[in-house]
C-alpha atoms as a PDB file:
ATOM      1  CA  MET A   1       5.498 -47.406  33.296  1.00  0.00           C
ATOM      2  CA  ILE A   2       6.718 -44.855  30.751  1.00  0.00           C
ATOM      3  CA  SER A   3      10.137 -45.497  29.733  1.00  0.00           C
ATOM      4  CA  GLY A   4      13.209 -42.905  29.223  1.00  0.00           C
ATOM      5  CA  ALA A   5      13.140 -43.169  25.302  1.00  0.00           C
ATOM      6  CA  ALA A   6       9.726 -42.392  25.260  1.00  0.00           C
ATOM      7  CA  SER A   7       9.631 -39.400  27.901  1.00  0.00           C
ATOM      8  CA  CYS A   8      12.513 -38.041  25.919  1.00  0.00           C
ATOM      9  CA  LEU A   9      10.415 -38.802  22.570  1.00  0.00           C
ATOM     10  CA  SER A  10       7.619 -36.914  23.994  1.00  0.00           C
ATOM     11  CA  LEU A  11       9.025 -34.364  25.556  1.00  0.00           C
ATOM     12  CA  PHE A  12      11.162 -33.631  22.345  1.00  0.00           C
ATOM     13  CA  GLY A  13       7.212 -34.013  20.626  1.00  0.00           C
ATOM     14  CA  GLY A  14       6.160 -31.267  22.596  1.00  0.00           C
ATOM     15  CA  LEU A  15       8.694 -28.697  21.790  1.00  0.00           C
ATOM     16  CA  ILE A  16       8.237 -29.038  18.232  1.00  0.00           C
ATOM     17  CA  LEU A  17       4.753 -28.270  18.877  1.00  0.00           C
ATOM     18  CA  ILE A  18       4.917 -25.518  21.081  1.00  0.00           C
ATOM     19  CA  GLY A  19       7.339 -23.960  18.236  1.00  0.00           C
ATOM     20  CA  LEU A  20       5.105 -24.678  15.214  1.00  0.00           C
ATOM     21  CA  ALA A  21       2.551 -23.099  17.424  1.00  0.00           C
ATOM     22  CA  TRP A  22       4.529 -20.554  17.680  1.00  0.00           C
ATOM     23  CA  ALA A  23       5.372 -19.902  14.608  1.00  0.00           C
ATOM     24  CA  LEU A  24       1.830 -20.032  13.278  1.00  0.00           C
ATOM     25  CA  ARG A  25       0.152 -17.481  15.719  1.00  0.00           C
ATOM     26  CA  PRO A  26      -2.090 -15.130  14.599  1.00  0.00           C
ATOM     27  CA  ARG A  27      -0.084 -11.588  13.840  1.00  0.00           C
ATOM     28  CA  PRO A  28      -0.959  -8.388  13.380  1.00  0.00           C
ATOM     29  CA  ILE A  29       0.370  -6.504  10.715  1.00  0.00           C
ATOM     30  CA  ALA A  30       3.981  -4.910  11.515  1.00  0.00           C
ATOM     31  CA  LEU A  31       6.724  -2.722   9.997  1.00  0.00           C
ATOM     32  CA  PRO A  32       9.807  -4.692   8.248  1.00  0.00           C
ATOM     33  CA  ASP A  33      12.646  -3.458   9.653  1.00  0.00           C
ATOM     34  CA  GLU A  34      14.325  -1.272   7.358  1.00  0.00           C
ATOM     35  CA  VAL A  35      11.163   1.409   7.599  1.00  0.00           C
ATOM     36  CA  ARG A  36      11.586   3.997   9.499  1.00  0.00           C
ATOM     37  CA  ILE A  37       8.594   6.253  10.740  1.00  0.00           C
ATOM     38  CA  THR A  38       9.646  10.021  10.342  1.00  0.00           C
ATOM     39  CA  PRO A  39       8.657  11.715  13.629  1.00  0.00           C
ATOM     40  CA  ARG A  40       6.787  14.924  13.741  1.00  0.00           C
ATOM     41  CA  GLN A  41       9.069  16.882  14.596  1.00  0.00           C
ATOM     42  CA  GLU A  42      10.729  16.286  10.800  1.00  0.00           C
ATOM     43  CA  ALA A  43       7.511  16.784   8.944  1.00  0.00           C
ATOM     44  CA  PRO A  44       5.367  19.285  11.671  1.00  0.00           C
ATOM     45  CA  GLN A  45       3.841  20.808   8.291  1.00  0.00           C
ATOM     46  CA  LEU A  46       2.238  17.339   6.719  1.00  0.00           C
ATOM     47  CA  TYR A  47       1.474  16.108  10.170  1.00  0.00           C
ATOM     48  CA  ALA A  48      -0.661  19.201  10.749  1.00  0.00           C
ATOM     49  CA  LEU A  49      -2.336  18.528   7.099  1.00  0.00           C
ATOM     50  CA  VAL A  50      -2.742  14.888   8.427  1.00  0.00           C
ATOM     51  CA  ASP A  51      -4.780  16.158  12.102  1.00  0.00           C
ATOM     52  CA  GLN A  52      -6.460  18.972  10.099  1.00  0.00           C
ATOM     53  CA  ILE A  53      -8.525  15.791   7.982  1.00  0.00           C
ATOM     54  CA  ALA A  54      -8.520  14.093  10.396  1.00  0.00           C
ATOM     55  CA  GLY A  55     -10.966  16.613  12.606  1.00  0.00           C
ATOM     56  CA  ALA A  56     -12.624  16.756   9.421  1.00  0.00           C
ATOM     57  CA  LEU A  57     -13.228  13.348   9.205  1.00  0.00           C
ATOM     58  CA  LYS A  58     -14.350  12.976  12.994  1.00  0.00           C
ATOM     59  CA  ALA A  59     -11.454  10.381  12.946  1.00  0.00           C
ATOM     60  CA  ARG A  60      -8.327   9.947  15.034  1.00  0.00           C
ATOM     61  CA  SER A  61      -5.567  11.008  13.774  1.00  0.00           C
ATOM     62  CA  ILE A  62      -2.655   8.757  13.166  1.00  0.00           C
ATOM     63  CA  ASP A  63       0.581   7.778  14.953  1.00  0.00           C
ATOM     64  CA  GLY A  64       3.453   7.977  12.592  1.00  0.00           C
ATOM     65  CA  LEU A  65       3.602   9.007   8.991  1.00  0.00           C
ATOM     66  CA  ILE A  66       5.915   7.136   6.195  1.00  0.00           C
ATOM     67  CA  VAL A  67       7.308   8.593   3.387  1.00  0.00           C
ATOM     68  CA  ASP A  68       8.243   6.127   0.247  1.00  0.00           C
ATOM     69  CA  ALA A  69       8.715   5.852  -3.414  1.00  0.00           C
ATOM     70  CA  ASP A  70       5.560   3.941  -4.504  1.00  0.00           C
ATOM     71  CA  PHE A  71       2.995   5.885  -6.614  1.00  0.00           C
ATOM     72  CA  ASN A  72       0.413   5.590  -4.289  1.00  0.00           C
ATOM     73  CA  ALA A  73      -0.961   6.241  -0.645  1.00  0.00           C
ATOM     74  CA  GLY A  74      -1.914   3.778   2.237  1.00  0.00           C
ATOM     75  CA  LEU A  75      -2.810   3.304   5.643  1.00  0.00           C
ATOM     76  CA  SER A  76      -1.424   0.426   7.669  1.00  0.00           C
ATOM     77  CA  LEU A  77      -2.550  -0.579  11.587  1.00  0.00           C
ATOM     78  CA  VAL A  78       0.178  -1.622  12.858  1.00  0.00           C
ATOM     79  CA  GLY A  79       0.708  -4.199  15.289  1.00  0.00           C
ATOM     80  CA  TRP A  80      -1.456  -5.488  18.632  1.00  0.00           C
ATOM     81  CA  LYS A  81      -2.111  -1.764  19.717  1.00  0.00           C
ATOM     82  CA  ARG A  82      -3.490  -0.653  16.028  1.00  0.00           C
ATOM     83  CA  LYS A  83      -1.373   2.039  15.456  1.00  0.00           C
ATOM     84  CA  ARG A  84      -2.208   4.528  12.438  1.00  0.00           C
ATOM     85  CA  ILE A  85       0.487   4.431  10.225  1.00  0.00           C
ATOM     86  CA  LEU A  86      -0.246   6.162   6.915  1.00  0.00           C
ATOM     87  CA  PHE A  87       2.174   5.948   3.804  1.00  0.00           C
ATOM     88  CA  VAL A  88       2.666   8.762   1.783  1.00  0.00           C
ATOM     89  CA  GLY A  89       4.202   7.752  -1.927  1.00  0.00           C
ATOM     90  CA  LEU A  90       6.150  11.072  -3.278  1.00  0.00           C
ATOM     91  CA  PRO A  91       6.153  10.402  -6.336  1.00  0.00           C
ATOM     92  CA  LEU A  92       2.150  10.535  -6.352  1.00  0.00           C
ATOM     93  CA  PHE A  93       1.986  13.329  -3.749  1.00  0.00           C
ATOM     94  CA  PHE A  94       5.110  16.009  -5.597  1.00  0.00           C
ATOM     95  CA  ILE A  95       2.727  15.692  -8.101  1.00  0.00           C
ATOM     96  CA  ALA A  96      -0.387  16.431  -6.941  1.00  0.00           C
ATOM     97  CA  GLU A  97      -2.236  20.013  -6.520  1.00  0.00           C
ATOM     98  CA  PRO A  98      -2.673  21.116  -3.212  1.00  0.00           C
ATOM     99  CA  SER A  99      -6.321  20.130  -3.041  1.00  0.00           C
ATOM    100  CA  GLU A 100      -5.081  16.546  -4.479  1.00  0.00           C
ATOM    101  CA  ARG A 101      -3.293  16.383  -1.565  1.00  0.00           C
ATOM    102  CA  ILE A 102      -6.170  16.727   0.913  1.00  0.00           C
ATOM    103  CA  ALA A 103      -8.406  14.379  -1.369  1.00  0.00           C
ATOM    104  CA  LEU A 104      -5.040  11.578  -1.267  1.00  0.00           C
ATOM    105  CA  ILE A 105      -4.917  12.153   2.815  1.00  0.00           C
ATOM    106  CA  ALA A 106      -8.661  12.081   3.220  1.00  0.00           C
ATOM    107  CA  HIS A 107      -9.342   9.082   1.272  1.00  0.00           C
ATOM    108  CA  GLU A 108      -7.004   6.884   3.066  1.00  0.00           C
ATOM    109  CA  LEU A 109      -8.085   8.275   6.808  1.00  0.00           C
ATOM    110  CA  ALA A 110     -11.542   7.859   5.290  1.00  0.00           C
ATOM    111  CA  HIS A 111     -10.936   3.753   5.536  1.00  0.00           C
ATOM    112  CA  CYS A 112     -10.707   3.975   9.437  1.00  0.00           C
ATOM    113  CA  VAL A 113     -14.378   5.690   9.818  1.00  0.00           C
ATOM    114  CA  ASN A 114     -16.414   3.591   6.664  1.00  0.00           C
ATOM    115  CA  GLY A 115     -16.496   0.424   8.224  1.00  0.00           C
ATOM    116  CA  ASP A 116     -13.975  -1.494   5.934  1.00  0.00           C
ATOM    117  CA  PRO A 117     -13.541  -5.300   6.713  1.00  0.00           C
ATOM    118  CA  MET A 118      -9.988  -5.215   5.950  1.00  0.00           C
ATOM    119  CA  ARG A 119      -9.153  -3.014   8.647  1.00  0.00           C
ATOM    120  CA  GLY A 120     -10.856  -5.169  11.385  1.00  0.00           C
ATOM    121  CA  LEU A 121      -8.956  -6.738  13.903  1.00  0.00           C
ATOM    122  CA  VAL A 122     -10.174 -10.093  13.327  1.00  0.00           C
ATOM    123  CA  VAL A 123     -10.363 -10.713   9.684  1.00  0.00           C
ATOM    124  CA  GLY A 124      -7.039  -8.249   8.926  1.00  0.00           C
ATOM    125  CA  SER A 125      -5.076  -9.932  11.433  1.00  0.00           C
ATOM    126  CA  ALA A 126      -6.545 -13.337   9.731  1.00  0.00           C
ATOM    127  CA  LEU A 127      -5.580 -12.450   6.765  1.00  0.00           C
ATOM    128  CA  ASN A 128      -1.875 -11.244   7.530  1.00  0.00           C
ATOM    129  CA  THR A 129      -1.343 -14.254   9.397  1.00  0.00           C
ATOM    130  CA  LEU A 130      -2.529 -16.393   6.262  1.00  0.00           C
ATOM    131  CA  MET A 131       0.245 -14.554   4.338  1.00  0.00           C
ATOM    132  CA  HIS A 132       2.761 -15.139   6.728  1.00  0.00           C
ATOM    133  CA  TRP A 133       1.715 -19.586   6.597  1.00  0.00           C
ATOM    134  CA  LEU A 134       1.764 -18.913   2.941  1.00  0.00           C
ATOM    135  CA  SER A 135       5.445 -17.567   2.766  1.00  0.00           C
ATOM    136  CA  LEU A 136       6.438 -20.118   5.545  1.00  0.00           C
ATOM    137  CA  LEU A 137       5.382 -22.934   3.541  1.00  0.00           C
ATOM    138  CA  ARG A 138       6.275 -21.703   0.077  1.00  0.00           C
ATOM    139  CA  PRO A 139       8.711 -24.043  -1.391  1.00  0.00           C
ATOM    140  CA  ASP A 140      12.264 -23.568  -1.997  1.00  0.00           C
ATOM    141  CA  SER A 141      14.080 -24.848  -5.436  1.00  0.00           C
ATOM    142  CA  LEU A 142      16.670 -25.025  -4.125  1.00  0.00           C
ATOM    143  CA  LEU A 143      16.161 -28.148  -1.703  1.00  0.00           C
ATOM    144  CA  SER A 144      15.502 -30.094  -4.502  1.00  0.00           C
ATOM    145  CA  ARG A 145      18.569 -29.198  -6.118  1.00  0.00           C
ATOM    146  CA  ARG A 146      20.647 -29.716  -2.590  1.00  0.00           C
ATOM    147  CA  TYR A 147      19.146 -32.829  -1.412  1.00  0.00           C
ATOM    148  CA  GLY A 148      17.725 -35.086  -4.619  1.00  0.00           C
ATOM    149  CA  LEU A 149      14.983 -36.871  -3.931  1.00  0.00           C
ATOM    150  CA  PRO A 150      13.986 -36.102  -0.340  1.00  0.00           C
ATOM    151  CA  GLY A 151      14.552 -32.255  -1.433  1.00  0.00           C
ATOM    152  CA  MET A 152      11.848 -33.060  -3.899  1.00  0.00           C
ATOM    153  CA  PHE A 153       9.383 -34.971  -1.782  1.00  0.00           C
ATOM    154  CA  ALA A 154       9.508 -31.925   1.114  1.00  0.00           C
ATOM    155  CA  ASN A 155       9.051 -29.516  -1.343  1.00  0.00           C
ATOM    156  CA  GLY A 156       5.989 -31.190  -2.841  1.00  0.00           C
ATOM    157  CA  VAL A 157       4.900 -31.809   0.952  1.00  0.00           C
ATOM    158  CA  MET A 158       5.215 -27.710   1.480  1.00  0.00           C
ATOM    159  CA  SER A 159       3.732 -27.049  -2.098  1.00  0.00           C
ATOM    160  CA  THR A 160       0.242 -28.888  -1.296  1.00  0.00           C
ATOM    161  CA  LEU A 161       0.475 -27.237   2.225  1.00  0.00           C
ATOM    162  CA  SER A 162       0.987 -23.501   0.781  1.00  0.00           C
ATOM    163  CA  LEU A 163      -1.858 -24.573  -1.798  1.00  0.00           C
ATOM    164  CA  ALA A 164      -4.427 -24.918   0.852  1.00  0.00           C
ATOM    165  CA  VAL A 165      -3.133 -21.753   2.929  1.00  0.00           C
ATOM    166  CA  TRP A 166      -3.718 -20.018  -0.301  1.00  0.00           C
ATOM    167  CA  LEU A 167      -6.430 -20.962  -1.387  1.00  0.00           C
ATOM    168  CA  LEU A 168      -7.853 -20.214   2.545  1.00  0.00           C
ATOM    169  CA  ALA A 169      -6.334 -16.591   1.842  1.00  0.00           C
ATOM    170  CA  ASP A 170      -7.835 -16.782  -1.689  1.00  0.00           C
ATOM    171  CA  GLY A 171     -11.514 -17.397  -0.649  1.00  0.00           C
ATOM    172  CA  LEU A 172     -11.840 -15.209   2.643  1.00  0.00           C
ATOM    173  CA  THR A 173     -10.895 -12.273   0.284  1.00  0.00           C
ATOM    174  CA  HIS A 174     -13.803 -13.339  -1.941  1.00  0.00           C
ATOM    175  CA  VAL A 175     -15.985 -13.554   0.768  1.00  0.00           C
ATOM    176  CA  LEU A 176     -14.413 -10.138   1.167  1.00  0.00           C
ATOM    177  CA  TYR A 177     -14.785  -8.863  -1.638  1.00  0.00           C
ATOM    178  CA  ARG A 178     -18.092  -7.092  -1.803  1.00  0.00           C
ATOM    179  CA  ASP A 179     -17.553  -5.073   1.337  1.00  0.00           C
ATOM    180  CA  ALA A 180     -13.932  -4.353   0.252  1.00  0.00           C
ATOM    181  CA  GLN A 181     -15.388  -2.538  -2.895  1.00  0.00           C
ATOM    182  CA  ARG A 182     -18.116  -1.213  -1.240  1.00  0.00           C
ATOM    183  CA  ALA A 183     -16.187   0.404   1.200  1.00  0.00           C
ATOM    184  CA  GLU A 184     -13.218   2.179  -1.574  1.00  0.00           C
ATOM    185  CA  TYR A 185     -16.332   3.432  -2.922  1.00  0.00           C
ATOM    186  CA  LEU A 186     -17.343   5.229   0.629  1.00  0.00           C
ATOM    187  CA  ALA A 187     -13.302   6.265   0.953  1.00  0.00           C
ATOM    188  CA  ASP A 188     -14.123   8.390  -2.512  1.00  0.00           C
ATOM    189  CA  GLN A 189     -17.253   9.643  -1.078  1.00  0.00           C
ATOM    190  CA  LEU A 190     -15.844  10.917   2.145  1.00  0.00           C
ATOM    191  CA  ALA A 191     -12.589  12.401   1.165  1.00  0.00           C
ATOM    192  CA  ALA A 192     -14.793  14.789  -2.022  1.00  0.00           C
ATOM    193  CA  GLN A 193     -17.094  15.889   1.155  1.00  0.00           C
ATOM    194  CA  ILE A 194     -13.364  17.328   2.468  1.00  0.00           C
ATOM    195  CA  SER A 195     -11.591  18.119   0.015  1.00  0.00           C
ATOM    196  CA  GLY A 196     -14.189  18.591  -3.318  1.00  0.00           C
ATOM    197  CA  THR A 197     -15.374  16.327  -5.489  1.00  0.00           C
ATOM    198  CA  PRO A 198     -12.974  17.933  -8.646  1.00  0.00           C
ATOM    199  CA  ALA A 199     -10.364  17.270  -6.595  1.00  0.00           C
ATOM    200  CA  MET A 200     -10.642  13.638  -5.652  1.00  0.00           C
ATOM    201  CA  LEU A 201     -11.715  13.431  -9.557  1.00  0.00           C
ATOM    202  CA  ALA A 202      -8.190  15.144 -10.374  1.00  0.00           C
ATOM    203  CA  LEU A 203      -6.798  12.873  -8.202  1.00  0.00           C
ATOM    204  CA  LEU A 204      -8.454   9.064  -9.471  1.00  0.00           C
ATOM    205  CA  GLU A 205      -7.063  10.781 -12.752  1.00  0.00           C
ATOM    206  CA  LYS A 206      -3.773  11.440 -11.847  1.00  0.00           C
ATOM    207  CA  MET A 207      -3.369   7.687 -10.770  1.00  0.00           C
ATOM    208  CA  HIS A 208      -3.812   6.099 -14.510  1.00  0.00           C
ATOM    209  CA  LEU A 209      -0.089   7.907 -14.806  1.00  0.00           C
ATOM    210  CA  ARG A 210       1.656   5.327 -13.363  1.00  0.00           C
ATOM    211  CA  ASP A 211       3.192   3.646 -16.157  1.00  0.00           C
ATOM    212  CA  THR A 212       4.111   7.315 -16.993  1.00  0.00           C
ATOM    213  CA  PHE A 213       5.748   7.389 -13.625  1.00  0.00           C
ATOM    214  CA  HIS A 214       7.976   4.063 -14.272  1.00  0.00           C
ATOM    215  CA  ALA A 215       8.704   5.765 -17.870  1.00  0.00           C
ATOM    216  CA  SER A 216      10.291   8.626 -15.543  1.00  0.00           C
ATOM    217  CA  TRP A 217      11.956   6.547 -13.600  1.00  0.00           C
ATOM    218  CA  ARG A 218      13.606   4.390 -15.546  1.00  0.00           C
ATOM    219  CA  ARG A 219      15.032   6.910 -17.701  1.00  0.00           C
ATOM    220  CA  ALA A 220      16.924   8.488 -15.015  1.00  0.00           C
ATOM    221  CA  ALA A 221      18.205   5.290 -13.724  1.00  0.00           C
ATOM    222  CA  LEU A 222      19.276   4.923 -17.496  1.00  0.00           C
ATOM    223  CA  SER A 223      20.954   8.123 -17.444  1.00  0.00           C
ATOM    224  CA  GLN A 224      24.719   9.143 -18.114  1.00  0.00           C
ATOM    225  CA  VAL A 225      24.110  12.046 -16.069  1.00  0.00           C
ATOM    226  CA  PRO A 226      22.678  12.832 -12.972  1.00  0.00           C
ATOM    227  CA  LEU A 227      18.813  14.031 -13.406  1.00  0.00           C
ATOM    228  CA  ASP A 228      16.909  15.663 -11.251  1.00  0.00           C
ATOM    229  CA  PHE A 229      14.011  12.928 -11.267  1.00  0.00           C
ATOM    230  CA  PHE A 230      11.089  14.774  -9.653  1.00  0.00           C
ATOM    231  CA  GLY A 231      11.293  17.975 -11.688  1.00  0.00           C
ATOM    232  CA  GLU A 232      11.442  15.957 -14.346  1.00  0.00           C
ATOM    233  CA  PHE A 233       8.680  14.514 -13.731  1.00  0.00           C
ATOM    234  CA  ARG A 234       6.516  16.848 -12.704  1.00  0.00           C
ATOM    235  CA  GLU A 235       7.516  18.470 -15.844  1.00  0.00           C
ATOM    236  CA  ARG A 236       6.581  15.299 -17.923  1.00  0.00           C
ATOM    237  CA  ILE A 237       3.088  15.058 -16.597  1.00  0.00           C
ATOM    238  CA  ARG A 238       3.094  19.297 -16.849  1.00  0.00           C
ATOM    239  CA  ARG A 239       3.752  18.754 -21.018  1.00  0.00           C
ATOM    240  CA  LEU A 240       1.539  15.646 -21.138  1.00  0.00           C
ATOM    241  CA  PRO A 241      -1.033  16.796 -24.259  1.00  0.00           C
ATOM    242  CA  PRO A 242      -4.944  16.749 -23.855  1.00  0.00           C
ATOM    243  CA  ARG A 243      -5.085  13.994 -26.931  1.00  0.00           C
ATOM    244  CA  GLU A 244      -2.320  11.549 -24.855  1.00  0.00           C
ATOM    245  CA  LEU A 245      -4.269  12.088 -21.291  1.00  0.00           C
ATOM    246  CA  GLU A 246      -7.200  11.035 -23.148  1.00  0.00           C
ATOM    247  CA  ARG A 247      -5.591   8.038 -25.308  1.00  0.00           C
ATOM    248  CA  ILE A 248      -4.374   6.866 -20.995  1.00  0.00           C
ATOM    249  CA  ARG A 249      -8.242   7.017 -20.328  1.00  0.00           C
ATOM    250  CA  ARG A 250      -9.217   5.239 -23.032  1.00  0.00           C
ATOM    251  CA  ALA A 251      -6.558   2.490 -22.633  1.00  0.00           C
ATOM    252  CA  GLU A 252      -7.810   2.329 -18.495  1.00  0.00           C
ATOM    253  CA  LYS A 253     -11.517   2.053 -19.612  1.00  0.00           C
ATOM    254  CA  LEU A 254     -10.696  -0.996 -21.974  1.00  0.00           C
ATOM    255  CA  GLU A 255      -8.080  -2.907 -19.567  1.00  0.00           C
ATOM    256  CA  GLY A 256     -10.220  -2.331 -16.110  1.00  0.00           C
ATOM    257  CA  SER A 257      -7.687  -1.283 -14.587  1.00  0.00           C
ATOM    258  CA  ARG A 258      -6.984  -1.838 -10.402  1.00  0.00           C
ATOM    259  CA  LEU A 259      -4.841  -1.006  -8.016  1.00  0.00           C
ATOM    260  CA  ASP A 260      -5.625  -4.749  -6.382  1.00  0.00           C
ATOM    261  CA  MET A 261      -8.200  -6.873  -5.414  1.00  0.00           C
ATOM    262  CA  THR A 262      -9.784  -4.688  -3.174  1.00  0.00           C
ATOM    263  CA  HIS A 263      -9.811  -1.812  -5.354  1.00  0.00           C
ATOM    264  CA  PRO A 264     -12.224  -1.247  -7.730  1.00  0.00           C
ATOM    265  CA  PRO A 265     -10.926  -0.195 -11.524  1.00  0.00           C
ATOM    266  CA  THR A 266     -10.207   3.503 -11.486  1.00  0.00           C
ATOM    267  CA  VAL A 267     -12.755   4.327 -14.194  1.00  0.00           C
ATOM    268  CA  PHE A 268     -15.444   2.494 -12.223  1.00  0.00           C
ATOM    269  CA  ARG A 269     -14.537   4.932  -9.147  1.00  0.00           C
ATOM    270  CA  LEU A 270     -13.939   8.426 -11.413  1.00  0.00           C
ATOM    271  CA  GLU A 271     -18.392   7.288 -13.008  1.00  0.00           C
ATOM    272  CA  THR A 272     -19.541   6.631  -9.620  1.00  0.00           C
ATOM    273  CA  LEU A 273     -18.404   9.899  -8.339  1.00  0.00           C
ATOM    274  CA  LYS A 274     -19.210  11.619 -11.155  1.00  0.00           C
ATOM    275  CA  ASN A 275     -23.055  10.635 -10.535  1.00  0.00           C
ATOM    276  CA  HIS A 276     -22.659  11.112  -6.820  1.00  0.00           C
ATOM    277  CA  PRO A 277     -20.300  13.544  -5.926  1.00  0.00           C
ATOM    278  CA  GLY A 278     -19.308  14.296  -2.259  1.00  0.00           C
ATOM    279  CA  GLY A 279     -19.756  18.009  -2.763  1.00  0.00           C
ATOM    280  CA  THR A 280     -17.422  20.831  -2.155  1.00  0.00           C
ATOM    281  CA  SER A 281     -14.581  21.310  -0.421  1.00  0.00           C
ATOM    282  CA  GLN A 282     -14.735  21.925   3.741  1.00  0.00           C
ATOM    283  CA  LEU A 283     -10.552  22.452   3.854  1.00  0.00           C
ATOM    284  CA  ILE A 284      -8.600  24.327   1.736  1.00  0.00           C
ATOM    285  CA  LEU A 285      -4.970  24.028   1.139  1.00  0.00           C
ATOM    286  CA  GLY A 286      -2.899  27.162   0.328  1.00  0.00           C
ATOM    287  CA  VAL A 287      -0.198  27.368  -2.036  1.00  0.00           C
ATOM    288  CA  THR A 288       2.051  28.588   1.023  1.00  0.00           C
ATOM    289  CA  ASP A 289       1.456  25.545   3.467  1.00  0.00           C
ATOM    290  CA  SER A 290       1.745  23.511   0.080  1.00  0.00           C
ATOM    291  CA  ALA A 291       5.164  24.943  -0.272  1.00  0.00           C
ATOM    292  CA  ALA A 292       5.844  24.543   3.433  1.00  0.00           C
ATOM    293  CA  ILE A 293       5.148  21.012   2.905  1.00  0.00           C
ATOM    294  CA  ASP A 294       7.373  20.431  -0.246  1.00  0.00           C
ATOM    295  CA  GLN A 295      10.331  21.525   2.112  1.00  0.00           C
ATOM    296  CA  GLU A 296       9.591  19.353   3.863  1.00  0.00           C
ATOM    297  CA  LEU A 297      10.050  16.331   2.411  1.00  0.00           C
ATOM    298  CA  ALA A 298      12.278  17.714   0.125  1.00  0.00           C
ATOM    299  CA  ARG A 299      15.152  16.160   2.309  1.00  0.00           C
ATOM    300  CA  PHE A 300      13.531  12.707   1.304  1.00  0.00           C
ATOM    301  CA  GLN A 301      13.965  13.050  -3.001  1.00  0.00           C
ATOM    302  CA  PRO A 302      17.408  11.564  -2.678  1.00  0.00           C
ATOM    303  CA  LYS A 303      16.665   8.725  -0.685  1.00  0.00           C
ATOM    304  CA  ILE A 304      13.446   7.590  -2.419  1.00  0.00           C
ATOM    305  CA  ASP A 305      15.562   8.484  -5.883  1.00  0.00           C
ATOM    306  CA  ARG A 306      18.407   5.719  -4.654  1.00  0.00           C
ATOM    307  CA  GLU A 307      15.706   3.521  -3.660  1.00  0.00           C
ATOM    308  CA  LEU A 308      13.533   3.682  -7.343  1.00  0.00           C
ATOM    309  CA  LYS A 309      16.824   3.200  -9.613  1.00  0.00           C
ATOM    310  CA  ARG A 310      17.875   0.070  -6.939  1.00  0.00           C
ATOM    311  CA  ARG A 311      14.224  -1.105  -7.488  1.00  0.00           C
ATOM    312  CA  TYR A 312      14.909  -0.685 -11.256  1.00  0.00           C
ATOM    313  CA  GLU A 313      17.860  -2.572 -11.205  1.00  0.00           C
ATOM    314  CA  ALA A 314      16.506  -5.493  -9.244  1.00  0.00           C
ATOM    315  CA  SER A 315      14.046  -5.740 -11.690  1.00  0.00           C
ATOM    316  CA  LEU A 316      16.528  -6.370 -14.606  1.00  0.00           C
ATOM    317  CA  TYR A 317      17.426  -9.228 -12.628  1.00  0.00           C
ATOM    318  CA  GLY A 318      14.346 -10.548 -11.422  1.00  0.00           C
END
């Protein structure tokens, strides 16, 4: 017969295991609480363009759109319902020509029809769950300072566990490496079929201007007088001499830079697209329609400007 103390201990252990199972449960991608999805009524022209591009790709359109401060764009499948959320980095979108804007959106939507393993429910959720475990298990240096040897011991255990999770996540990423790379090339091809090959090539060239973007917002953050960051950034891009653009291309080619592990170096993507062009454009964004989208996005510029300054200040103390 089990004693009362043993019963309480068993109950306590069971509750701990239930809590651990809940904390380590599989997790789909979730949006941070502070991120706000832009409703359709606030950007009808941009949503309409996305709908057109999705139709041309024979893909389901997006469920929401987020305008952020990144020099990039992306598409995430959020929650168990797999809602399609398009992230539009305003700095990159702002300097893109109308045809390049089509290429940018088409590339992201193409990931929903090109068999990208990173977007799959099983694989995508597995990677996201492993990243969540890693964040939970990452040691806290404060433990060592506050609790001495017990804190150091706890940190050692957490370091070992987090290393195991990191190796598992890294291994899974390497297994999927070739398929993820292939998905990027296919997305470029599909986007080129919608926007035209020249537009996709021009967009990839502009991805080389990330350092110019960083230099522009650092200058805006340090300025003693208020600056129109977006206007100044666009003008700076327009004033770049061909010699400087060629220098940037050569530097990028030597470095073989990439956005992250899943993206091939941009120079490889450019060469592949030049050797295997996607064709002529299926959609055209008129100057008037592009200007209307600019008007819709103008309301986001002050917020993005503040966010860029906050990031710069955080980088000084990071």
